[in-house]
Amino acid sequence: MDKKIKQWILSTHGGWGSLILRLTLGVVLFPHAAQKLFGWFDGLGLQGEMQYMITHVGLPQIVAGLAIAVECLGTFFILFGIWTKITSIAIFFLFTGMIVVDHASHGFFMNWFGKMPAGAEGFEYHLLVLGICLTLIIQGGGRYSTEKQSA
């Protein structure tokens, strides 16, 4: 790997702001990851989530598995500040895919008042995740991350 790319991956310009964004993203993603992996919070669990993504969303099995892995492993990497930039890139592409494949057809807004069928949600939440990821890609993980503070 090129030395400059490696240096960029392992560096952070962020301080407290990046830490706050990183923890916010991790805390918000954690319940979703727990739903997918363990079936917590009324989730489907790993087997149920795979089945849903393959049959309802129409993803190939490998793509569904990768999507779950990115969201679940990414949650822990973000929370602990491990490879924050690379993890943020992966989550950014995951959530862009969620918008394109599923949520854009439901419009902008979340289904706050149950006017859409169950599970049909707009993409406003996803845009917030994208914004946080972009900031972490640019700034790095900030304080208490594994990245080195750079000038």
N, C-alpha and C. Protein backbone atom coordinates (compact mmCIF):
# COMPACT_ATOMS: atom_id res chain seq x y z
N MET A 1 0.85 -1.18 0.00
CA MET A 1 0.00 0.00 0.00
C MET A 1 0.89 1.24 0.00
N ASP A 2 0.49 2.21 -0.77
CA ASP A 2 1.23 3.47 -0.85
C ASP A 2 1.33 4.11 0.54
N LYS A 3 2.51 4.63 0.85
CA LYS A 3 2.76 5.21 2.18
C LYS A 3 1.82 6.37 2.49
N LYS A 4 1.54 7.23 1.49
CA LYS A 4 0.66 8.38 1.72
C LYS A 4 -0.78 7.94 2.01
N ILE A 5 -1.24 6.91 1.30
CA ILE A 5 -2.59 6.41 1.54
C ILE A 5 -2.69 5.81 2.94
N LYS A 6 -1.69 5.02 3.30
CA LYS A 6 -1.67 4.42 4.64
C LYS A 6 -1.64 5.50 5.72
N GLN A 7 -0.84 6.52 5.48
CA GLN A 7 -0.74 7.63 6.43
C GLN A 7 -2.09 8.35 6.56
N TRP A 8 -2.77 8.55 5.41
CA TRP A 8 -4.08 9.20 5.43
C TRP A 8 -5.10 8.36 6.20
N ILE A 9 -5.10 7.05 5.95
CA ILE A 9 -6.04 6.15 6.61
C ILE A 9 -5.86 6.19 8.12
N LEU A 10 -4.62 6.24 8.57
CA LEU A 10 -4.32 6.12 10.00
C LEU A 10 -4.17 7.47 10.70
N SER A 11 -4.64 8.55 10.07
CA SER A 11 -4.50 9.87 10.69
C SER A 11 -5.87 10.48 10.99
N THR A 12 -5.85 11.46 11.88
CA THR A 12 -7.06 12.22 12.19
C THR A 12 -6.71 13.68 12.38
N HIS A 13 -7.56 14.55 11.85
CA HIS A 13 -7.46 15.98 12.10
C HIS A 13 -8.49 16.37 13.15
N GLY A 14 -9.42 15.49 13.36
CA GLY A 14 -10.55 15.79 14.25
C GLY A 14 -10.16 15.72 15.71
N GLY A 15 -10.89 16.41 16.51
CA GLY A 15 -10.70 16.39 17.95
C GLY A 15 -11.97 15.93 18.61
N TRP A 16 -12.52 16.80 19.45
CA TRP A 16 -13.75 16.47 20.16
C TRP A 16 -14.94 16.33 19.22
N GLY A 17 -15.00 17.15 18.18
CA GLY A 17 -16.13 17.09 17.25
C GLY A 17 -16.24 15.75 16.55
N SER A 18 -15.11 15.23 16.10
CA SER A 18 -15.11 13.92 15.45
C SER A 18 -15.47 12.82 16.44
N LEU A 19 -15.00 12.94 17.67
CA LEU A 19 -15.37 11.96 18.69
C LEU A 19 -16.88 11.97 18.90
N ILE A 20 -17.46 13.15 19.01
CA ILE A 20 -18.91 13.26 19.23
C ILE A 20 -19.68 12.66 18.05
N LEU A 21 -19.27 12.98 16.83
CA LEU A 21 -19.93 12.42 15.65
C LEU A 21 -19.76 10.91 15.59
N ARG A 22 -18.57 10.42 15.89
CA ARG A 22 -18.29 8.99 15.86
C ARG A 22 -19.16 8.25 16.87
N LEU A 23 -19.22 8.77 18.09
CA LEU A 23 -20.04 8.12 19.12
C LEU A 23 -21.53 8.20 18.79
N THR A 24 -21.96 9.34 18.25
CA THR A 24 -23.36 9.47 17.86
C THR A 24 -23.72 8.45 16.80
N LEU A 25 -22.89 8.35 15.77
CA LEU A 25 -23.15 7.38 14.71
C LEU A 25 -23.15 5.96 15.26
N GLY A 26 -22.17 5.63 16.08
CA GLY A 26 -22.09 4.28 16.64
C GLY A 26 -23.27 3.93 17.52
N VAL A 27 -23.70 4.89 18.37
CA VAL A 27 -24.83 4.65 19.26
C VAL A 27 -26.13 4.50 18.47
N VAL A 28 -26.29 5.28 17.40
CA VAL A 28 -27.50 5.19 16.58
C VAL A 28 -27.50 3.90 15.76
N LEU A 29 -26.36 3.49 15.25
CA LEU A 29 -26.29 2.26 14.45
C LEU A 29 -26.36 0.99 15.30
N PHE A 30 -25.93 1.07 16.56
CA PHE A 30 -25.86 -0.13 17.38
C PHE A 30 -27.18 -0.89 17.48
N PRO A 31 -28.31 -0.25 17.78
CA PRO A 31 -29.56 -1.03 17.86
C PRO A 31 -29.91 -1.72 16.55
N HIS A 32 -29.60 -1.09 15.43
CA HIS A 32 -29.86 -1.70 14.12
C HIS A 32 -28.96 -2.93 13.92
N ALA A 33 -27.70 -2.81 14.31
CA ALA A 33 -26.79 -3.95 14.22
C ALA A 33 -27.24 -5.07 15.14
N ALA A 34 -27.68 -4.74 16.35
CA ALA A 34 -28.15 -5.75 17.31
C ALA A 34 -29.42 -6.44 16.79
N GLN A 35 -30.28 -5.69 16.11
CA GLN A 35 -31.46 -6.31 15.49
C GLN A 35 -31.04 -7.35 14.47
N LYS A 36 -30.07 -6.99 13.65
CA LYS A 36 -29.64 -7.86 12.56
C LYS A 36 -28.86 -9.07 13.06
N LEU A 37 -27.99 -8.87 14.01
CA LEU A 37 -27.14 -9.97 14.49
C LEU A 37 -27.85 -10.87 15.50
N PHE A 38 -28.50 -10.26 16.48
CA PHE A 38 -28.99 -11.02 17.63
C PHE A 38 -30.52 -11.07 17.75
N GLY A 39 -31.22 -10.32 16.92
CA GLY A 39 -32.67 -10.28 17.04
C GLY A 39 -33.16 -9.42 18.19
N TRP A 40 -32.26 -8.61 18.76
CA TRP A 40 -32.66 -7.72 19.85
C TRP A 40 -33.56 -6.61 19.31
N PHE A 41 -34.26 -5.92 20.18
CA PHE A 41 -35.12 -4.78 19.82
C PHE A 41 -36.11 -5.16 18.72
N ASP A 42 -36.71 -6.33 18.86
CA ASP A 42 -37.70 -6.84 17.90
C ASP A 42 -37.12 -7.05 16.51
N GLY A 43 -35.84 -7.32 16.41
CA GLY A 43 -35.20 -7.55 15.12
C GLY A 43 -35.41 -8.97 14.62
N LEU A 44 -35.00 -9.20 13.41
CA LEU A 44 -35.18 -10.50 12.77
C LEU A 44 -34.05 -11.48 13.07
N GLY A 45 -32.93 -10.99 13.58
CA GLY A 45 -31.77 -11.85 13.75
C GLY A 45 -31.07 -12.06 12.41
N LEU A 46 -29.93 -12.68 12.45
CA LEU A 46 -29.11 -12.82 11.25
C LEU A 46 -29.82 -13.60 10.15
N GLN A 47 -30.38 -14.74 10.49
CA GLN A 47 -31.05 -15.56 9.48
C GLN A 47 -32.27 -14.85 8.90
N GLY A 48 -33.08 -14.24 9.75
CA GLY A 48 -34.27 -13.52 9.29
C GLY A 48 -33.92 -12.31 8.45
N GLU A 49 -32.86 -11.60 8.84
CA GLU A 49 -32.43 -10.42 8.09
C GLU A 49 -31.91 -10.81 6.71
N MET A 50 -31.14 -11.89 6.66
CA MET A 50 -30.65 -12.38 5.36
C MET A 50 -31.84 -12.73 4.46
N GLN A 51 -32.80 -13.44 5.02
CA GLN A 51 -33.98 -13.84 4.24
C GLN A 51 -34.73 -12.62 3.73
N TYR A 52 -34.91 -11.61 4.59
CA TYR A 52 -35.61 -10.39 4.19
C TYR A 52 -34.86 -9.69 3.05
N MET A 53 -33.56 -9.54 3.20
CA MET A 53 -32.78 -8.82 2.18
C MET A 53 -32.77 -9.56 0.84
N ILE A 54 -32.77 -10.87 0.89
CA ILE A 54 -32.75 -11.66 -0.35
C ILE A 54 -34.12 -11.68 -1.01
N THR A 55 -35.18 -11.94 -0.23
CA THR A 55 -36.51 -12.11 -0.83
C THR A 55 -37.24 -10.79 -1.06
N HIS A 56 -37.23 -9.89 -0.09
CA HIS A 56 -38.01 -8.64 -0.20
C HIS A 56 -37.25 -7.53 -0.92
N VAL A 57 -35.98 -7.39 -0.60
CA VAL A 57 -35.19 -6.33 -1.21
C VAL A 57 -34.61 -6.79 -2.55
N GLY A 58 -34.42 -8.09 -2.70
CA GLY A 58 -33.92 -8.64 -3.96
C GLY A 58 -32.41 -8.64 -4.11
N LEU A 59 -31.70 -8.62 -3.00
CA LEU A 59 -30.24 -8.62 -3.06
C LEU A 59 -29.71 -10.04 -3.22
N PRO A 60 -28.62 -10.21 -3.95
CA PRO A 60 -27.95 -11.51 -3.96
C PRO A 60 -27.44 -11.83 -2.54
N GLN A 61 -27.31 -13.10 -2.23
CA GLN A 61 -26.92 -13.52 -0.89
C GLN A 61 -25.59 -12.89 -0.45
N ILE A 62 -24.62 -12.83 -1.33
CA ILE A 62 -23.31 -12.28 -0.98
C ILE A 62 -23.42 -10.78 -0.66
N VAL A 63 -24.23 -10.06 -1.41
CA VAL A 63 -24.41 -8.62 -1.17
C VAL A 63 -25.15 -8.41 0.16
N ALA A 64 -26.16 -9.21 0.42
CA ALA A 64 -26.89 -9.11 1.69
C ALA A 64 -25.94 -9.37 2.86
N GLY A 65 -25.12 -10.40 2.74
CA GLY A 65 -24.16 -10.72 3.80
C GLY A 65 -23.14 -9.61 4.01
N LEU A 66 -22.65 -9.04 2.92
CA LEU A 66 -21.70 -7.93 3.03
C LEU A 66 -22.34 -6.69 3.65
N ALA A 67 -23.58 -6.42 3.29
CA ALA A 67 -24.29 -5.26 3.84
C ALA A 67 -24.44 -5.41 5.36
N ILE A 68 -24.82 -6.60 5.79
CA ILE A 68 -24.96 -6.84 7.23
C ILE A 68 -23.61 -6.75 7.92
N ALA A 69 -22.57 -7.30 7.31
CA ALA A 69 -21.22 -7.25 7.90
C ALA A 69 -20.73 -5.81 8.03
N VAL A 70 -20.94 -5.00 6.99
CA VAL A 70 -20.50 -3.60 7.04
C VAL A 70 -21.23 -2.87 8.15
N GLU A 71 -22.54 -3.04 8.23
CA GLU A 71 -23.29 -2.31 9.26
C GLU A 71 -22.92 -2.77 10.67
N CYS A 72 -22.80 -4.08 10.86
CA CYS A 72 -22.54 -4.59 12.20
C CYS A 72 -21.09 -4.40 12.64
N LEU A 73 -20.15 -4.82 11.82
CA LEU A 73 -18.74 -4.60 12.17
C LEU A 73 -18.41 -3.11 12.17
N GLY A 74 -18.96 -2.39 11.20
CA GLY A 74 -18.73 -0.96 11.12
C GLY A 74 -19.16 -0.22 12.36
N THR A 75 -20.27 -0.65 12.95
CA THR A 75 -20.76 -0.03 14.18
C THR A 75 -19.69 -0.09 15.27
N PHE A 76 -19.10 -1.25 15.45
CA PHE A 76 -18.10 -1.41 16.51
C PHE A 76 -16.80 -0.70 16.15
N PHE A 77 -16.40 -0.74 14.89
CA PHE A 77 -15.20 -0.03 14.48
C PHE A 77 -15.36 1.48 14.71
N ILE A 78 -16.52 2.00 14.36
CA ILE A 78 -16.78 3.44 14.56
C ILE A 78 -16.79 3.78 16.05
N LEU A 79 -17.49 2.99 16.85
CA LEU A 79 -17.55 3.26 18.29
C LEU A 79 -16.17 3.30 18.93
N PHE A 80 -15.30 2.39 18.52
CA PHE A 80 -13.98 2.30 19.14
C PHE A 80 -12.90 3.05 18.37
N GLY A 81 -13.28 3.74 17.29
CA GLY A 81 -12.31 4.55 16.56
C GLY A 81 -11.26 3.75 15.84
N ILE A 82 -11.65 2.60 15.29
CA ILE A 82 -10.72 1.73 14.57
C ILE A 82 -10.96 1.93 13.07
N TRP A 83 -9.92 2.32 12.35
CA TRP A 83 -10.02 2.54 10.90
C TRP A 83 -11.24 3.39 10.55
N THR A 84 -11.39 4.49 11.22
CA THR A 84 -12.59 5.32 11.11
C THR A 84 -12.85 5.77 9.67
N LYS A 85 -11.82 6.20 8.96
CA LYS A 85 -12.02 6.70 7.60
C LYS A 85 -12.50 5.60 6.66
N ILE A 86 -11.84 4.45 6.69
CA ILE A 86 -12.21 3.33 5.82
C ILE A 86 -13.61 2.82 6.19
N THR A 87 -13.87 2.70 7.48
CA THR A 87 -15.19 2.24 7.94
C THR A 87 -16.27 3.23 7.52
N SER A 88 -15.98 4.53 7.62
CA SER A 88 -16.96 5.55 7.22
C SER A 88 -17.24 5.49 5.72
N ILE A 89 -16.21 5.20 4.93
CA ILE A 89 -16.41 5.04 3.49
C ILE A 89 -17.35 3.86 3.22
N ALA A 90 -17.10 2.75 3.91
CA ALA A 90 -17.94 1.56 3.73
C ALA A 90 -19.39 1.84 4.13
N ILE A 91 -19.58 2.49 5.27
CA ILE A 91 -20.93 2.82 5.73
C ILE A 91 -21.58 3.82 4.78
N PHE A 92 -20.81 4.78 4.27
CA PHE A 92 -21.33 5.75 3.31
C PHE A 92 -21.90 5.02 2.08
N PHE A 93 -21.14 4.10 1.51
CA PHE A 93 -21.62 3.37 0.34
C PHE A 93 -22.80 2.45 0.69
N LEU A 94 -22.78 1.86 1.87
CA LEU A 94 -23.90 1.03 2.30
C LEU A 94 -25.19 1.84 2.35
N PHE A 95 -25.14 3.01 2.98
CA PHE A 95 -26.34 3.82 3.12
C PHE A 95 -26.76 4.47 1.81
N THR A 96 -25.82 4.75 0.94
CA THR A 96 -26.17 5.22 -0.41
C THR A 96 -26.93 4.10 -1.13
N GLY A 97 -26.45 2.89 -1.00
CA GLY A 97 -27.14 1.74 -1.59
C GLY A 97 -28.52 1.55 -1.02
N MET A 98 -28.68 1.73 0.29
CA MET A 98 -30.00 1.61 0.91
C MET A 98 -30.98 2.62 0.32
N ILE A 99 -30.50 3.84 0.10
CA ILE A 99 -31.36 4.86 -0.48
C ILE A 99 -31.76 4.46 -1.89
N VAL A 100 -30.80 4.10 -2.71
CA VAL A 100 -31.06 3.80 -4.12
C VAL A 100 -31.94 2.56 -4.27
N VAL A 101 -31.61 1.49 -3.54
CA VAL A 101 -32.30 0.22 -3.73
C VAL A 101 -33.68 0.19 -3.07
N ASP A 102 -33.85 0.86 -1.95
CA ASP A 102 -35.09 0.70 -1.19
C ASP A 102 -35.79 2.00 -0.80
N HIS A 103 -35.10 2.90 -0.16
CA HIS A 103 -35.77 4.00 0.53
C HIS A 103 -36.17 5.18 -0.35
N ALA A 104 -35.51 5.42 -1.46
CA ALA A 104 -35.86 6.56 -2.32
C ALA A 104 -37.29 6.44 -2.84
N SER A 105 -37.73 5.24 -3.08
CA SER A 105 -39.09 5.04 -3.61
C SER A 105 -40.17 5.41 -2.60
N HIS A 106 -39.81 5.55 -1.33
CA HIS A 106 -40.77 5.91 -0.28
C HIS A 106 -40.76 7.40 0.04
N GLY A 107 -39.94 8.17 -0.66
CA GLY A 107 -39.88 9.60 -0.43
C GLY A 107 -38.87 9.99 0.62
N PHE A 108 -38.90 11.24 1.01
CA PHE A 108 -37.91 11.80 1.91
C PHE A 108 -38.15 11.42 3.38
N PHE A 109 -39.39 11.54 3.83
CA PHE A 109 -39.68 11.46 5.26
C PHE A 109 -39.75 10.03 5.80
N MET A 110 -39.38 9.91 7.06
CA MET A 110 -39.57 8.65 7.77
C MET A 110 -41.08 8.41 7.91
N ASN A 111 -41.47 7.24 8.27
CA ASN A 111 -42.88 6.87 8.38
C ASN A 111 -43.38 7.12 9.81
N TRP A 112 -43.28 8.36 10.25
CA TRP A 112 -43.59 8.71 11.63
C TRP A 112 -45.03 8.41 12.02
N PHE A 113 -45.94 8.61 11.10
CA PHE A 113 -47.36 8.51 11.45
C PHE A 113 -48.04 7.27 10.87
N GLY A 114 -47.24 6.33 10.38
CA GLY A 114 -47.78 5.07 9.89
C GLY A 114 -48.61 5.18 8.63
N LYS A 115 -48.39 6.21 7.82
CA LYS A 115 -49.16 6.39 6.60
C LYS A 115 -48.70 5.46 5.48
N MET A 116 -47.46 4.97 5.58
CA MET A 116 -46.94 4.02 4.61
C MET A 116 -47.01 2.62 5.21
N PRO A 117 -46.90 1.60 4.40
CA PRO A 117 -46.89 0.23 4.95
C PRO A 117 -45.73 0.04 5.93
N ALA A 118 -45.88 -0.90 6.83
CA ALA A 118 -44.83 -1.19 7.81
C ALA A 118 -43.52 -1.47 7.10
N GLY A 119 -42.44 -0.89 7.60
CA GLY A 119 -41.12 -1.09 7.02
C GLY A 119 -40.79 -0.12 5.90
N ALA A 120 -41.78 0.60 5.41
CA ALA A 120 -41.54 1.58 4.33
C ALA A 120 -41.11 2.90 4.96
N GLU A 121 -39.90 3.27 4.73
CA GLU A 121 -39.34 4.49 5.30
C GLU A 121 -38.66 5.31 4.22
N GLY A 122 -38.75 6.63 4.37
CA GLY A 122 -38.02 7.52 3.48
C GLY A 122 -36.54 7.53 3.83
N PHE A 123 -35.81 8.47 3.23
CA PHE A 123 -34.35 8.43 3.36
C PHE A 123 -33.76 9.57 4.18
N GLU A 124 -34.55 10.30 4.95
CA GLU A 124 -33.99 11.42 5.71
C GLU A 124 -32.94 10.96 6.72
N TYR A 125 -33.19 9.87 7.41
CA TYR A 125 -32.23 9.30 8.37
C TYR A 125 -30.92 8.96 7.66
N HIS A 126 -31.04 8.39 6.49
CA HIS A 126 -29.86 7.96 5.73
C HIS A 126 -28.98 9.15 5.33
N LEU A 127 -29.62 10.27 5.02
CA LEU A 127 -28.85 11.47 4.68
C LEU A 127 -28.03 11.97 5.87
N LEU A 128 -28.59 11.86 7.06
CA LEU A 128 -27.83 12.25 8.26
C LEU A 128 -26.61 11.34 8.44
N VAL A 129 -26.79 10.05 8.23
CA VAL A 129 -25.67 9.12 8.32
C VAL A 129 -24.61 9.47 7.27
N LEU A 130 -25.04 9.79 6.06
CA LEU A 130 -24.09 10.16 5.00
C LEU A 130 -23.29 11.39 5.39
N GLY A 131 -23.95 12.39 5.95
CA GLY A 131 -23.25 13.61 6.38
C GLY A 131 -22.24 13.35 7.48
N ILE A 132 -22.61 12.53 8.44
CA ILE A 132 -21.67 12.17 9.51
C ILE A 132 -20.48 11.41 8.92
N CYS A 133 -20.76 10.47 8.03
CA CYS A 133 -19.67 9.69 7.41
C CYS A 133 -18.72 10.58 6.62
N LEU A 134 -19.26 11.52 5.85
CA LEU A 134 -18.39 12.42 5.09
C LEU A 134 -17.46 13.21 6.01
N THR A 135 -18.00 13.68 7.11
CA THR A 135 -17.18 14.42 8.06
C THR A 135 -16.09 13.53 8.65
N LEU A 136 -16.43 12.31 8.99
CA LEU A 136 -15.43 11.39 9.55
C LEU A 136 -14.40 10.98 8.51
N ILE A 137 -14.80 10.88 7.25
CA ILE A 137 -13.84 10.58 6.18
C ILE A 137 -12.83 11.71 6.06
N ILE A 138 -13.30 12.93 6.15
CA ILE A 138 -12.42 14.09 6.02
C ILE A 138 -11.58 14.30 7.29
N GLN A 139 -12.21 14.23 8.45
CA GLN A 139 -11.56 14.59 9.71
C GLN A 139 -10.87 13.42 10.42
N GLY A 140 -11.37 12.21 10.22
CA GLY A 140 -10.87 11.07 10.98
C GLY A 140 -11.66 10.89 12.26
N GLY A 141 -11.22 9.96 13.08
CA GLY A 141 -11.96 9.56 14.27
C GLY A 141 -11.85 10.49 15.45
N GLY A 142 -10.92 11.41 15.43
CA GLY A 142 -10.81 12.37 16.53
C GLY A 142 -10.21 11.75 17.79
N ARG A 143 -10.53 12.37 18.89
CA ARG A 143 -10.00 11.94 20.19
C ARG A 143 -10.40 10.50 20.49
N TYR A 144 -9.51 9.83 21.20
CA TYR A 144 -9.73 8.45 21.66
C TYR A 144 -10.00 7.48 20.52
N SER A 145 -9.45 7.75 19.35
CA SER A 145 -9.49 6.80 18.25
C SER A 145 -8.10 6.21 18.10
N THR A 146 -8.00 5.20 17.25
CA THR A 146 -6.69 4.58 17.03
C THR A 146 -5.84 5.37 16.05
N GLU A 147 -6.43 6.39 15.42
CA GLU A 147 -5.69 7.19 14.44
C GLU A 147 -4.74 8.17 15.16
N LYS A 148 -3.69 8.53 14.46
CA LYS A 148 -2.72 9.49 15.01
C LYS A 148 -3.14 10.90 14.63
N GLN A 149 -3.02 11.81 15.57
CA GLN A 149 -3.32 13.22 15.31
C GLN A 149 -2.32 13.77 14.31
N SER A 150 -2.81 14.40 13.24
CA SER A 150 -1.91 14.99 12.25
C SER A 150 -2.16 16.49 12.16
N ALA A 151 -1.25 17.17 11.54
CA ALA A 151 -1.33 18.64 11.44
C ALA A 151 -2.39 19.07 10.48
